[in-house]
PDB file of N, CA and C in Angstrom:
ATOM      1  N   MET A   1     229.219  43.841 -16.959  1.00  0.00           N
ATOM      2  CA  MET A   1     229.226  42.443 -16.627  1.00  0.00           C
ATOM      3  C   MET A   1     229.049  41.630 -17.893  1.00  0.00           C
ATOM      4  N   THR A   2     229.928  40.668 -18.116  1.00  0.00           N
ATOM      5  CA  THR A   2     229.845  39.801 -19.279  1.00  0.00           C
ATOM      6  C   THR A   2     229.134  38.522 -18.879  1.00  0.00           C
ATOM      7  N   THR A   3     228.194  38.112 -19.711  1.00  0.00           N
ATOM      8  CA  THR A   3     227.500  36.859 -19.454  1.00  0.00           C
ATOM      9  C   THR A   3     227.865  35.868 -20.531  1.00  0.00           C
ATOM     10  N   ALA A   4     227.846  34.614 -20.186  1.00  0.00           N
ATOM     11  CA  ALA A   4     228.154  33.574 -21.157  1.00  0.00           C
ATOM     12  C   ALA A   4     226.920  33.308 -22.006  1.00  0.00           C
ATOM     13  N   HIS A   5     227.146  33.030 -23.259  1.00  0.00           N
ATOM     14  CA  HIS A   5     226.061  32.747 -24.181  1.00  0.00           C
ATOM     15  C   HIS A   5     226.349  31.456 -24.915  1.00  0.00           C
ATOM     16  N   THR A   6     225.310  30.741 -25.232  1.00  0.00           N
ATOM     17  CA  THR A   6     225.453  29.565 -26.070  1.00  0.00           C
ATOM     18  C   THR A   6     225.397  30.034 -27.502  1.00  0.00           C
ATOM     19  N   PRO A   7     226.352  29.603 -28.357  1.00  0.00           N
ATOM     20  CA  PRO A   7     226.308  30.042 -29.744  1.00  0.00           C
ATOM     21  C   PRO A   7     224.979  29.674 -30.395  1.00  0.00           C
ATOM     22  N   ALA A   8     224.385  30.625 -31.079  1.00  0.00           N
ATOM     23  CA  ALA A   8     223.125  30.385 -31.773  1.00  0.00           C
ATOM     24  C   ALA A   8     223.368  29.608 -33.055  1.00  0.00           C
ATOM     25  N   THR A   9     222.333  29.039 -33.581  1.00  0.00           N
ATOM     26  CA  THR A   9     222.455  28.327 -34.846  1.00  0.00           C
ATOM     27  C   THR A   9     221.888  29.172 -35.956  1.00  0.00           C
ATOM     28  N   GLY A  10     222.471  29.049 -37.133  1.00  0.00           N
ATOM     29  CA  GLY A  10     221.985  29.787 -38.288  1.00  0.00           C
ATOM     30  C   GLY A  10     220.641  29.248 -38.725  1.00  0.00           C
ATOM     31  N   ALA A  11     219.700  30.131 -38.958  1.00  0.00           N
ATOM     32  CA  ALA A  11     218.348  29.709 -39.305  1.00  0.00           C
ATOM     33  C   ALA A  11     218.299  29.004 -40.652  1.00  0.00           C
ATOM     34  N   ALA A  12     219.106  29.440 -41.603  1.00  0.00           N
ATOM     35  CA  ALA A  12     219.004  28.886 -42.954  1.00  0.00           C
ATOM     36  C   ALA A  12     219.605  27.492 -43.077  1.00  0.00           C
ATOM     37  N   THR A  13     220.709  27.237 -42.383  1.00  0.00           N
ATOM     38  CA  THR A  13     221.411  25.976 -42.611  1.00  0.00           C
ATOM     39  C   THR A  13     221.600  25.145 -41.365  1.00  0.00           C
ATOM     40  N   GLY A  14     221.259  25.691 -40.210  1.00  0.00           N
ATOM     41  CA  GLY A  14     221.533  24.975 -38.977  1.00  0.00           C
ATOM     42  C   GLY A  14     222.976  25.147 -38.535  1.00  0.00           C
ATOM     43  N   ALA A  15     223.767  25.913 -39.290  1.00  0.00           N
ATOM     44  CA  ALA A  15     225.170  26.135 -38.942  1.00  0.00           C
ATOM     45  C   ALA A  15     225.268  27.309 -37.987  1.00  0.00           C
ATOM     46  N   GLY A  16     226.162  27.203 -37.015  1.00  0.00           N
ATOM     47  CA  GLY A  16     226.372  28.292 -36.083  1.00  0.00           C
ATOM     48  C   GLY A  16     227.226  29.388 -36.693  1.00  0.00           C
ATOM     49  N   GLY A  17     227.221  30.521 -36.056  1.00  0.00           N
ATOM     50  CA  GLY A  17     228.024  31.633 -36.522  1.00  0.00           C
ATOM     51  C   GLY A  17     229.455  31.529 -36.040  1.00  0.00           C
ATOM     52  N   ALA A  18     230.286  32.400 -36.551  1.00  0.00           N
ATOM     53  CA  ALA A  18     231.698  32.465 -36.190  1.00  0.00           C
ATOM     54  C   ALA A  18     232.238  33.802 -36.654  1.00  0.00           C
ATOM     55  N   THR A  19     233.370  34.199 -36.063  1.00  0.00           N
ATOM     56  CA  THR A  19     234.084  35.373 -36.531  1.00  0.00           C
ATOM     57  C   THR A  19     235.364  34.926 -37.216  1.00  0.00           C
ATOM     58  N   VAL A  20     235.576  35.444 -38.415  1.00  0.00           N
ATOM     59  CA  VAL A  20     236.822  35.226 -39.138  1.00  0.00           C
ATOM     60  C   VAL A  20     237.473  36.601 -39.256  1.00  0.00           C
ATOM     61  N   TRP A  21     238.538  36.790 -38.478  1.00  0.00           N
ATOM     62  CA  TRP A  21     239.226  38.084 -38.399  1.00  0.00           C
ATOM     63  C   TRP A  21     240.401  38.053 -39.358  1.00  0.00           C
ATOM     64  N   LEU A  22     240.358  38.907 -40.385  1.00  0.00           N
ATOM     65  CA  LEU A  22     241.432  38.989 -41.368  1.00  0.00           C
ATOM     66  C   LEU A  22     242.238  40.248 -41.084  1.00  0.00           C
ATOM     67  N   THR A  23     243.490  40.080 -40.709  1.00  0.00           N
ATOM     68  CA  THR A  23     244.309  41.234 -40.371  1.00  0.00           C
ATOM     69  C   THR A  23     245.541  41.271 -41.268  1.00  0.00           C
ATOM     70  N   GLY A  24     246.057  42.444 -41.484  1.00  0.00           N
ATOM     71  CA  GLY A  24     247.238  42.599 -42.323  1.00  0.00           C
ATOM     72  C   GLY A  24     247.477  44.062 -42.629  1.00  0.00           C
ATOM     73  N   LEU A  25     248.463  44.296 -43.446  1.00  0.00           N
ATOM     74  CA  LEU A  25     248.844  45.656 -43.817  1.00  0.00           C
ATOM     75  C   LEU A  25     247.785  46.314 -44.689  1.00  0.00           C
ATOM     76  N   PRO A  26     247.793  47.648 -44.761  1.00  0.00           N
ATOM     77  CA  PRO A  26     246.861  48.344 -45.655  1.00  0.00           C
ATOM     78  C   PRO A  26     247.047  47.873 -47.097  1.00  0.00           C
ATOM     79  N   SER A  27     245.960  47.744 -47.806  1.00  0.00           N
ATOM     80  CA  SER A  27     245.948  47.363 -49.230  1.00  0.00           C
ATOM     81  C   SER A  27     246.504  45.972 -49.491  1.00  0.00           C
ATOM     82  N   ALA A  28     246.467  45.106 -48.486  1.00  0.00           N
ATOM     83  CA  ALA A  28     246.969  43.736 -48.645  1.00  0.00           C
ATOM     84  C   ALA A  28     245.925  42.799 -49.253  1.00  0.00           C
ATOM     85  N   GLY A  29     244.673  43.260 -49.379  1.00  0.00           N
ATOM     86  CA  GLY A  29     243.625  42.434 -49.968  1.00  0.00           C
ATOM     87  C   GLY A  29     242.648  41.844 -48.964  1.00  0.00           C
ATOM     88  N   LYS A  30     242.671  42.326 -47.734  1.00  0.00           N
ATOM     89  CA  LYS A  30     241.777  41.799 -46.690  1.00  0.00           C
ATOM     90  C   LYS A  30     240.309  41.953 -47.076  1.00  0.00           C
ATOM     91  N   SER A  31     239.918  43.138 -47.477  1.00  0.00           N
ATOM     92  CA  SER A  31     238.520  43.394 -47.831  1.00  0.00           C
ATOM     93  C   SER A  31     238.129  42.645 -49.095  1.00  0.00           C
ATOM     94  N   THR A  32     239.012  42.599 -50.055  1.00  0.00           N
ATOM     95  CA  THR A  32     238.740  41.862 -51.298  1.00  0.00           C
ATOM     96  C   THR A  32     238.509  40.392 -51.003  1.00  0.00           C
ATOM     97  N   LEU A  33     239.356  39.819 -50.180  1.00  0.00           N
ATOM     98  CA  LEU A  33     239.214  38.414 -49.799  1.00  0.00           C
ATOM     99  C   LEU A  33     237.913  38.193 -49.018  1.00  0.00           C
ATOM    100  N   ALA A  34     237.614  39.081 -48.083  1.00  0.00           N
ATOM    101  CA  ALA A  34     236.395  38.946 -47.283  1.00  0.00           C
ATOM    102  C   ALA A  34     235.148  39.008 -48.156  1.00  0.00           C
ATOM    103  N   ARG A  35     235.113  39.916 -49.101  1.00  0.00           N
ATOM    104  CA  ARG A  35     233.939  40.036 -49.975  1.00  0.00           C
ATOM    105  C   ARG A  35     233.782  38.821 -50.882  1.00  0.00           C
ATOM    106  N   ALA A  36     234.887  38.303 -51.384  1.00  0.00           N
ATOM    107  CA  ALA A  36     234.831  37.091 -52.220  1.00  0.00           C
ATOM    108  C   ALA A  36     234.330  35.904 -51.394  1.00  0.00           C
ATOM    109  N   LEU A  37     234.828  35.768 -50.181  1.00  0.00           N
ATOM    110  CA  LEU A  37     234.381  34.696 -49.308  1.00  0.00           C
ATOM    111  C   LEU A  37     232.910  34.868 -48.950  1.00  0.00           C
ATOM    112  N   ALA A  38     232.489  36.094 -48.707  1.00  0.00           N
ATOM    113  CA  ALA A  38     231.081  36.361 -48.382  1.00  0.00           C
ATOM    114  C   ALA A  38     230.175  35.920 -49.528  1.00  0.00           C
ATOM    115  N   ARG A  39     230.554  36.209 -50.764  1.00  0.00           N
ATOM    116  CA  ARG A  39     229.748  35.784 -51.918  1.00  0.00           C
ATOM    117  C   ARG A  39     229.606  34.270 -51.954  1.00  0.00           C
ATOM    118  N   ARG A  40     230.694  33.558 -51.707  1.00  0.00           N
ATOM    119  CA  ARG A  40     230.646  32.085 -51.716  1.00  0.00           C
ATOM    120  C   ARG A  40     229.773  31.553 -50.589  1.00  0.00           C
ATOM    121  N   LEU A  41     229.915  32.133 -49.408  1.00  0.00           N
ATOM    122  CA  LEU A  41     229.126  31.662 -48.276  1.00  0.00           C
ATOM    123  C   LEU A  41     227.642  31.988 -48.458  1.00  0.00           C
ATOM    124  N   HIS A  42     227.336  33.161 -49.010  1.00  0.00           N
ATOM    125  CA  HIS A  42     225.942  33.517 -49.299  1.00  0.00           C
ATOM    126  C   HIS A  42     225.342  32.518 -50.284  1.00  0.00           C
ATOM    127  N   ALA A  43     226.121  32.136 -51.282  1.00  0.00           N
ATOM    128  CA  ALA A  43     225.643  31.176 -52.285  1.00  0.00           C
ATOM    129  C   ALA A  43     225.301  29.842 -51.636  1.00  0.00           C
ATOM    130  N   GLY A  44     225.971  29.524 -50.548  1.00  0.00           N
ATOM    131  CA  GLY A  44     225.689  28.305 -49.801  1.00  0.00           C
ATOM    132  C   GLY A  44     224.645  28.538 -48.728  1.00  0.00           C
ATOM    133  N   THR A  45     223.947  29.635 -48.786  1.00  0.00           N
ATOM    134  CA  THR A  45     222.862  30.041 -47.881  1.00  0.00           C
ATOM    135  C   THR A  45     223.303  30.320 -46.444  1.00  0.00           C
ATOM    136  N   ARG A  46     224.566  30.620 -46.224  1.00  0.00           N
ATOM    137  CA  ARG A  46     225.003  31.029 -44.876  1.00  0.00           C
ATOM    138  C   ARG A  46     224.665  32.499 -44.663  1.00  0.00           C
ATOM    139  N   ARG A  47     224.403  32.837 -43.444  1.00  0.00           N
ATOM    140  CA  ARG A  47     224.193  34.233 -43.059  1.00  0.00           C
ATOM    141  C   ARG A  47     225.569  34.846 -42.821  1.00  0.00           C
ATOM    142  N   VAL A  48     225.902  35.883 -43.582  1.00  0.00           N
ATOM    143  CA  VAL A  48     227.245  36.460 -43.562  1.00  0.00           C
ATOM    144  C   VAL A  48     227.162  37.987 -43.534  1.00  0.00           C
ATOM    145  N   GLU A  49     228.057  38.584 -42.763  1.00  0.00           N
ATOM    146  CA  GLU A  49     228.237  40.036 -42.778  1.00  0.00           C
ATOM    147  C   GLU A  49     229.725  40.331 -42.852  1.00  0.00           C
ATOM    148  N   VAL A  50     230.089  41.310 -43.674  1.00  0.00           N
ATOM    149  CA  VAL A  50     231.462  41.792 -43.739  1.00  0.00           C
ATOM    150  C   VAL A  50     231.516  43.085 -42.925  1.00  0.00           C
ATOM    151  N   LEU A  51     232.366  43.088 -41.908  1.00  0.00           N
ATOM    152  CA  LEU A  51     232.569  44.280 -41.078  1.00  0.00           C
ATOM    153  C   LEU A  51     233.905  44.899 -41.488  1.00  0.00           C
ATOM    154  N   ASP A  52     233.887  45.627 -42.576  1.00  0.00           N
ATOM    155  CA  ASP A  52     235.097  46.233 -43.114  1.00  0.00           C
ATOM    156  C   ASP A  52     235.593  47.329 -42.177  1.00  0.00           C
ATOM    157  N   GLY A  53     236.863  47.264 -41.824  1.00  0.00           N
ATOM    158  CA  GLY A  53     237.437  48.220 -40.884  1.00  0.00           C
ATOM    159  C   GLY A  53     237.262  49.666 -41.298  1.00  0.00           C
ATOM    160  N   ASP A  54     237.449  49.966 -42.583  1.00  0.00           N
ATOM    161  CA  ASP A  54     237.307  51.347 -43.057  1.00  0.00           C
ATOM    162  C   ASP A  54     235.861  51.830 -42.942  1.00  0.00           C
ATOM    163  N   GLU A  55     234.920  50.974 -43.302  1.00  0.00           N
ATOM    164  CA  GLU A  55     233.512  51.351 -43.231  1.00  0.00           C
ATOM    165  C   GLU A  55     233.055  51.500 -41.780  1.00  0.00           C
ATOM    166  N   ILE A  56     233.455  50.574 -40.928  1.00  0.00           N
ATOM    167  CA  ILE A  56     233.059  50.621 -39.522  1.00  0.00           C
ATOM    168  C   ILE A  56     233.628  51.869 -38.854  1.00  0.00           C
ATOM    169  N   ARG A  57     234.874  52.201 -39.175  1.00  0.00           N
ATOM    170  CA  ARG A  57     235.501  53.381 -38.568  1.00  0.00           C
ATOM    171  C   ARG A  57     234.701  54.641 -38.884  1.00  0.00           C
ATOM    172  N   ALA A  58     234.162  54.733 -40.078  1.00  0.00           N
ATOM    173  CA  ALA A  58     233.405  55.916 -40.473  1.00  0.00           C
ATOM    174  C   ALA A  58     232.110  56.082 -39.677  1.00  0.00           C
ATOM    175  N   PHE A  59     231.527  54.988 -39.221  1.00  0.00           N
ATOM    176  CA  PHE A  59     230.237  55.068 -38.539  1.00  0.00           C
ATOM    177  C   PHE A  59     230.319  54.768 -37.045  1.00  0.00           C
ATOM    178  N   LEU A  60     230.945  53.671 -36.687  1.00  0.00           N
ATOM    179  CA  LEU A  60     230.973  53.224 -35.301  1.00  0.00           C
ATOM    180  C   LEU A  60     232.091  53.893 -34.500  1.00  0.00           C
ATOM    181  N   SER A  61     233.148  54.261 -35.177  1.00  0.00           N
ATOM    182  CA  SER A  61     234.311  54.820 -34.486  1.00  0.00           C
ATOM    183  C   SER A  61     234.702  56.193 -35.014  1.00  0.00           C
ATOM    184  N   ALA A  62     233.741  56.919 -35.562  1.00  0.00           N
ATOM    185  CA  ALA A  62     234.021  58.272 -36.044  1.00  0.00           C
ATOM    186  C   ALA A  62     234.585  59.093 -34.894  1.00  0.00           C
ATOM    187  N   GLY A  63     235.597  59.858 -35.173  1.00  0.00           N
ATOM    188  CA  GLY A  63     236.201  60.694 -34.147  1.00  0.00           C
ATOM    189  C   GLY A  63     237.431  60.076 -33.502  1.00  0.00           C
ATOM    190  N   LEU A  64     237.628  58.778 -33.700  1.00  0.00           N
ATOM    191  CA  LEU A  64     238.835  58.157 -33.159  1.00  0.00           C
ATOM    192  C   LEU A  64     240.009  58.451 -34.079  1.00  0.00           C
ATOM    193  N   GLY A  65     241.177  58.595 -33.473  1.00  0.00           N
ATOM    194  CA  GLY A  65     242.393  58.800 -34.249  1.00  0.00           C
ATOM    195  C   GLY A  65     243.083  57.477 -34.534  1.00  0.00           C
ATOM    196  N   PHE A  66     244.380  57.554 -34.745  1.00  0.00           N
ATOM    197  CA  PHE A  66     245.140  56.353 -35.107  1.00  0.00           C
ATOM    198  C   PHE A  66     246.277  56.080 -34.126  1.00  0.00           C
ATOM    199  N   ASP A  67     246.208  56.694 -32.929  1.00  0.00           N
ATOM    200  CA  ASP A  67     247.206  56.347 -31.926  1.00  0.00           C
ATOM    201  C   ASP A  67     246.839  54.978 -31.342  1.00  0.00           C
ATOM    202  N   ARG A  68     247.712  54.436 -30.538  1.00  0.00           N
ATOM    203  CA  ARG A  68     247.522  53.077 -30.018  1.00  0.00           C
ATOM    204  C   ARG A  68     246.200  52.938 -29.238  1.00  0.00           C
ATOM    205  N   THR A  69     245.878  53.915 -28.408  1.00  0.00           N
ATOM    206  CA  THR A  69     244.657  53.844 -27.601  1.00  0.00           C
ATOM    207  C   THR A  69     243.409  53.843 -28.485  1.00  0.00           C
ATOM    208  N   ASP A  70     243.369  54.741 -29.455  1.00  0.00           N
ATOM    209  CA  ASP A  70     242.203  54.811 -30.336  1.00  0.00           C
ATOM    210  C   ASP A  70     242.096  53.574 -31.233  1.00  0.00           C
ATOM    211  N   ARG A  71     243.227  53.061 -31.690  1.00  0.00           N
ATOM    212  CA  ARG A  71     243.188  51.829 -32.491  1.00  0.00           C
ATOM    213  C   ARG A  71     242.640  50.672 -31.654  1.00  0.00           C
ATOM    214  N   HIS A  72     243.054  50.603 -30.389  1.00  0.00           N
ATOM    215  CA  HIS A  72     242.555  49.549 -29.504  1.00  0.00           C
ATOM    216  C   HIS A  72     241.033  49.681 -29.325  1.00  0.00           C
ATOM    217  N   THR A  73     240.568  50.892 -29.084  1.00  0.00           N
ATOM    218  CA  THR A  73     239.133  51.134 -28.926  1.00  0.00           C
ATOM    219  C   THR A  73     238.378  50.718 -30.177  1.00  0.00           C
ATOM    220  N   ASN A  74     238.882  51.078 -31.333  1.00  0.00           N
ATOM    221  CA  ASN A  74     238.245  50.728 -32.601  1.00  0.00           C
ATOM    222  C   ASN A  74     238.150  49.205 -32.756  1.00  0.00           C
ATOM    223  N   VAL A  75     239.239  48.508 -32.491  1.00  0.00           N
ATOM    224  CA  VAL A  75     239.258  47.044 -32.619  1.00  0.00           C
ATOM    225  C   VAL A  75     238.275  46.413 -31.631  1.00  0.00           C
ATOM    226  N   GLN A  76     238.199  46.936 -30.410  1.00  0.00           N
ATOM    227  CA  GLN A  76     237.269  46.379 -29.424  1.00  0.00           C
ATOM    228  C   GLN A  76     235.818  46.579 -29.854  1.00  0.00           C
ATOM    229  N   ARG A  77     235.509  47.725 -30.418  1.00  0.00           N
ATOM    230  CA  ARG A  77     234.147  47.972 -30.894  1.00  0.00           C
ATOM    231  C   ARG A  77     233.783  47.015 -32.024  1.00  0.00           C
ATOM    232  N   ILE A  78     234.678  46.871 -32.974  1.00  0.00           N
ATOM    233  CA  ILE A  78     234.420  45.958 -34.083  1.00  0.00           C
ATOM    234  C   ILE A  78     234.306  44.526 -33.566  1.00  0.00           C
ATOM    235  N   GLY A  79     235.184  44.162 -32.639  1.00  0.00           N
ATOM    236  CA  GLY A  79     235.142  42.820 -32.060  1.00  0.00           C
ATOM    237  C   GLY A  79     233.843  42.540 -31.337  1.00  0.00           C
ATOM    238  N   PHE A  80     233.319  43.549 -30.635  1.00  0.00           N
ATOM    239  CA  PHE A  80     232.039  43.398 -29.945  1.00  0.00           C
ATOM    240  C   PHE A  80     230.920  43.102 -30.937  1.00  0.00           C
ATOM    241  N   VAL A  81     230.847  43.885 -32.010  1.00  0.00           N
ATOM    242  CA  VAL A  81     229.801  43.687 -33.021  1.00  0.00           C
ATOM    243  C   VAL A  81     229.964  42.319 -33.686  1.00  0.00           C
ATOM    244  N   ALA A  82     231.197  41.942 -34.008  1.00  0.00           N
ATOM    245  CA  ALA A  82     231.444  40.638 -34.637  1.00  0.00           C
ATOM    246  C   ALA A  82     230.988  39.502 -33.733  1.00  0.00           C
ATOM    247  N   GLU A  83     231.328  39.583 -32.448  1.00  0.00           N
ATOM    248  CA  GLU A  83     230.937  38.522 -31.519  1.00  0.00           C
ATOM    249  C   GLU A  83     229.426  38.459 -31.366  1.00  0.00           C
ATOM    250  N   LEU A  84     228.776  39.598 -31.313  1.00  0.00           N
ATOM    251  CA  LEU A  84     227.323  39.652 -31.209  1.00  0.00           C
ATOM    252  C   LEU A  84     226.673  38.981 -32.422  1.00  0.00           C
ATOM    253  N   LEU A  85     227.145  39.320 -33.610  1.00  0.00           N
ATOM    254  CA  LEU A  85     226.619  38.687 -34.820  1.00  0.00           C
ATOM    255  C   LEU A  85     226.886  37.180 -34.810  1.00  0.00           C
ATOM    256  N   ALA A  86     228.121  36.813 -34.497  1.00  0.00           N
ATOM    257  CA  ALA A  86     228.517  35.400 -34.559  1.00  0.00           C
ATOM    258  C   ALA A  86     227.729  34.542 -33.581  1.00  0.00           C
ATOM    259  N   ARG A  87     227.508  35.049 -32.390  1.00  0.00           N
ATOM    260  CA  ARG A  87     226.772  34.224 -31.425  1.00  0.00           C
ATOM    261  C   ARG A  87     225.297  34.123 -31.780  1.00  0.00           C
ATOM    262  N   ASN A  88     224.865  34.902 -32.765  1.00  0.00           N
ATOM    263  CA  ASN A  88     223.489  34.838 -33.249  1.00  0.00           C
ATOM    264  C   ASN A  88     223.397  34.204 -34.635  1.00  0.00           C
ATOM    265  N   GLY A  89     224.382  33.366 -34.962  1.00  0.00           N
ATOM    266  CA  GLY A  89     224.303  32.544 -36.161  1.00  0.00           C
ATOM    267  C   GLY A  89     224.836  33.151 -37.436  1.00  0.00           C
ATOM    268  N   VAL A  90     225.465  34.303 -37.355  1.00  0.00           N
ATOM    269  CA  VAL A  90     226.009  34.974 -38.544  1.00  0.00           C
ATOM    270  C   VAL A  90     227.511  34.732 -38.605  1.00  0.00           C
ATOM    271  N   THR A  91     228.025  34.476 -39.794  1.00  0.00           N
ATOM    272  CA  THR A  91     229.472  34.426 -39.983  1.00  0.00           C
ATOM    273  C   THR A  91     229.934  35.859 -40.216  1.00  0.00           C
ATOM    274  N   ALA A  92     230.712  36.380 -39.287  1.00  0.00           N
ATOM    275  CA  ALA A  92     231.217  37.744 -39.371  1.00  0.00           C
ATOM    276  C   ALA A  92     232.629  37.707 -39.948  1.00  0.00           C
ATOM    277  N   LEU A  93     232.792  38.272 -41.120  1.00  0.00           N
ATOM    278  CA  LEU A  93     234.102  38.385 -41.763  1.00  0.00           C
ATOM    279  C   LEU A  93     234.608  39.790 -41.469  1.00  0.00           C
ATOM    280  N   VAL A  94     235.791  39.877 -40.855  1.00  0.00           N
ATOM    281  CA  VAL A  94     236.263  41.152 -40.319  1.00  0.00           C
ATOM    282  C   VAL A  94     237.638  41.502 -40.883  1.00  0.00           C
ATOM    283  N   PRO A  95     237.678  42.216 -42.024  1.00  0.00           N
ATOM    284  CA  PRO A  95     238.963  42.669 -42.557  1.00  0.00           C
ATOM    285  C   PRO A  95     239.375  44.003 -41.922  1.00  0.00           C
ATOM    286  N   VAL A  96     240.321  43.927 -40.988  1.00  0.00           N
ATOM    287  CA  VAL A  96     240.730  45.092 -40.204  1.00  0.00           C
ATOM    288  C   VAL A  96     242.249  45.080 -40.046  1.00  0.00           C
ATOM    289  N   ILE A  97     242.874  46.230 -40.106  1.00  0.00           N
ATOM    290  CA  ILE A  97     244.330  46.304 -39.947  1.00  0.00           C
ATOM    291  C   ILE A  97     244.754  45.796 -38.572  1.00  0.00           C
ATOM    292  N   ALA A  98     244.197  46.257 -37.482  1.00  0.00           N
ATOM    293  CA  ALA A  98     244.448  45.766 -36.115  1.00  0.00           C
ATOM    294  C   ALA A  98     245.908  45.391 -35.856  1.00  0.00           C
ATOM    295  N   PRO A  99     246.810  46.392 -35.791  1.00  0.00           N
ATOM    296  CA  PRO A  99     248.234  46.093 -35.715  1.00  0.00           C
ATOM    297  C   PRO A  99     248.743  45.554 -34.379  1.00  0.00           C
ATOM    298  N   TYR A 100     247.954  45.655 -33.326  1.00  0.00           N
ATOM    299  CA  TYR A 100     248.458  45.277 -32.001  1.00  0.00           C
ATOM    300  C   TYR A 100     247.878  43.946 -31.542  1.00  0.00           C
ATOM    301  N   ALA A 101     248.775  43.013 -31.237  1.00  0.00           N
ATOM    302  CA  ALA A 101     248.370  41.663 -30.830  1.00  0.00           C
ATOM    303  C   ALA A 101     247.501  41.689 -29.584  1.00  0.00           C
ATOM    304  N   ASP A 102     247.799  42.586 -28.634  1.00  0.00           N
ATOM    305  CA  ASP A 102     246.997  42.608 -27.407  1.00  0.00           C
ATOM    306  C   ASP A 102     245.550  43.007 -27.680  1.00  0.00           C
ATOM    307  N   SER A 103     245.316  43.845 -28.666  1.00  0.00           N
ATOM    308  CA  SER A 103     243.943  44.209 -29.039  1.00  0.00           C
ATOM    309  C   SER A 103     243.212  43.013 -29.635  1.00  0.00           C
ATOM    310  N   ARG A 104     243.896  42.304 -30.532  1.00  0.00           N
ATOM    311  CA  ARG A 104     243.285  41.109 -31.134  1.00  0.00           C
ATOM    312  C   ARG A 104     243.075  40.029 -30.079  1.00  0.00           C
ATOM    313  N   ASP A 105     244.020  39.898 -29.150  1.00  0.00           N
ATOM    314  CA  ASP A 105     243.887  38.910 -28.072  1.00  0.00           C
ATOM    315  C   ASP A 105     242.656  39.199 -27.210  1.00  0.00           C
ATOM    316  N   ALA A 106     242.372  40.465 -26.959  1.00  0.00           N
ATOM    317  CA  ALA A 106     241.199  40.832 -26.164  1.00  0.00           C
ATOM    318  C   ALA A 106     239.910  40.463 -26.897  1.00  0.00           C
ATOM    319  N   VAL A 107     239.891  40.649 -28.210  1.00  0.00           N
ATOM    320  CA  VAL A 107     238.723  40.257 -29.004  1.00  0.00           C
ATOM    321  C   VAL A 107     238.551  38.738 -28.943  1.00  0.00           C
ATOM    322  N   ARG A 108     239.644  38.017 -29.115  1.00  0.00           N
ATOM    323  CA  ARG A 108     239.597  36.550 -29.044  1.00  0.00           C
ATOM    324  C   ARG A 108     239.082  36.101 -27.673  1.00  0.00           C
ATOM    325  N   ALA A 109     239.569  36.726 -26.607  1.00  0.00           N
ATOM    326  CA  ALA A 109     239.161  36.361 -25.248  1.00  0.00           C
ATOM    327  C   ALA A 109     237.666  36.587 -25.045  1.00  0.00           C
ATOM    328  N   ARG A 110     237.133  37.670 -25.579  1.00  0.00           N
ATOM    329  CA  ARG A 110     235.686  37.926 -25.473  1.00  0.00           C
ATOM    330  C   ARG A 110     234.907  36.823 -26.167  1.00  0.00           C
ATOM    331  N   HIS A 111     235.357  36.426 -27.346  1.00  0.00           N
ATOM    332  CA  HIS A 111     234.697  35.339 -28.075  1.00  0.00           C
ATOM    333  C   HIS A 111     234.749  34.041 -27.252  1.00  0.00           C
ATOM    334  N   GLU A 112     235.922  33.729 -26.739  1.00  0.00           N
ATOM    335  CA  GLU A 112     236.080  32.499 -25.951  1.00  0.00           C
ATOM    336  C   GLU A 112     235.199  32.519 -24.712  1.00  0.00           C
ATOM    337  N   ALA A 113     235.134  33.666 -24.045  1.00  0.00           N
ATOM    338  CA  ALA A 113     234.319  33.780 -22.831  1.00  0.00           C
ATOM    339  C   ALA A 113     232.847  33.525 -23.118  1.00  0.00           C
ATOM    340  N   ASN A 114     232.417  33.840 -24.328  1.00  0.00           N
ATOM    341  CA  ASN A 114     231.022  33.658 -24.708  1.00  0.00           C
ATOM    342  C   ASN A 114     230.800  32.367 -25.505  1.00  0.00           C
ATOM    343  N   GLY A 115     231.844  31.561 -25.677  1.00  0.00           N
ATOM    344  CA  GLY A 115     231.705  30.304 -26.417  1.00  0.00           C
ATOM    345  C   GLY A 115     231.468  30.515 -27.902  1.00  0.00           C
ATOM    346  N   THR A 116     231.983  31.602 -28.434  1.00  0.00           N
ATOM    347  CA  THR A 116     231.764  31.940 -29.839  1.00  0.00           C
ATOM    348  C   THR A 116     233.011  31.624 -30.651  1.00  0.00           C
ATOM    349  N   PRO A 117     232.871  30.836 -31.731  1.00  0.00           N
ATOM    350  CA  PRO A 117     234.039  30.491 -32.554  1.00  0.00           C
ATOM    351  C   PRO A 117     234.711  31.741 -33.152  1.00  0.00           C
ATOM    352  N   TYR A 118     236.048  31.707 -33.129  1.00  0.00           N
ATOM    353  CA  TYR A 118     236.859  32.828 -33.617  1.00  0.00           C
ATOM    354  C   TYR A 118     238.111  32.257 -34.273  1.00  0.00           C
ATOM    355  N   VAL A 119     238.429  32.785 -35.431  1.00  0.00           N
ATOM    356  CA  VAL A 119     239.683  32.421 -36.083  1.00  0.00           C
ATOM    357  C   VAL A 119     240.309  33.692 -36.644  1.00  0.00           C
ATOM    358  N   GLU A 120     241.625  33.793 -36.510  1.00  0.00           N
ATOM    359  CA  GLU A 120     242.356  34.952 -37.018  1.00  0.00           C
ATOM    360  C   GLU A 120     243.214  34.510 -38.191  1.00  0.00           C
ATOM    361  N   VAL A 121     243.090  35.252 -39.291  1.00  0.00           N
ATOM    362  CA  VAL A 121     243.862  34.959 -40.505  1.00  0.00           C
ATOM    363  C   VAL A 121     244.836  36.086 -40.729  1.00  0.00           C
TER     364      VAL A 121
END
């Protein structure tokens, strides 16, 4: 059962959290861009976490393959963690390949259902 949540505010700045989902081809610079943005946001005292797809797969999605079903499961798991962080005042930067639009749409829908800001780059 999904419950609606009011987006939390960031303790340091009063700013609410959000998910910024960066998707693209392998080695396109998603993680590099996310880390650079994280440094800038940290400097401005925002609470930020980078949920790198490669790192998350090693821990949260170990054992999943790369077929469509497993990729969808991986994206949903990452999306869940991102939404949880974002609704608690953290800016979640998510550099993930996520090749299927329906998987990304499901993540967006979860964010919308919980009133959590989401943007896809």
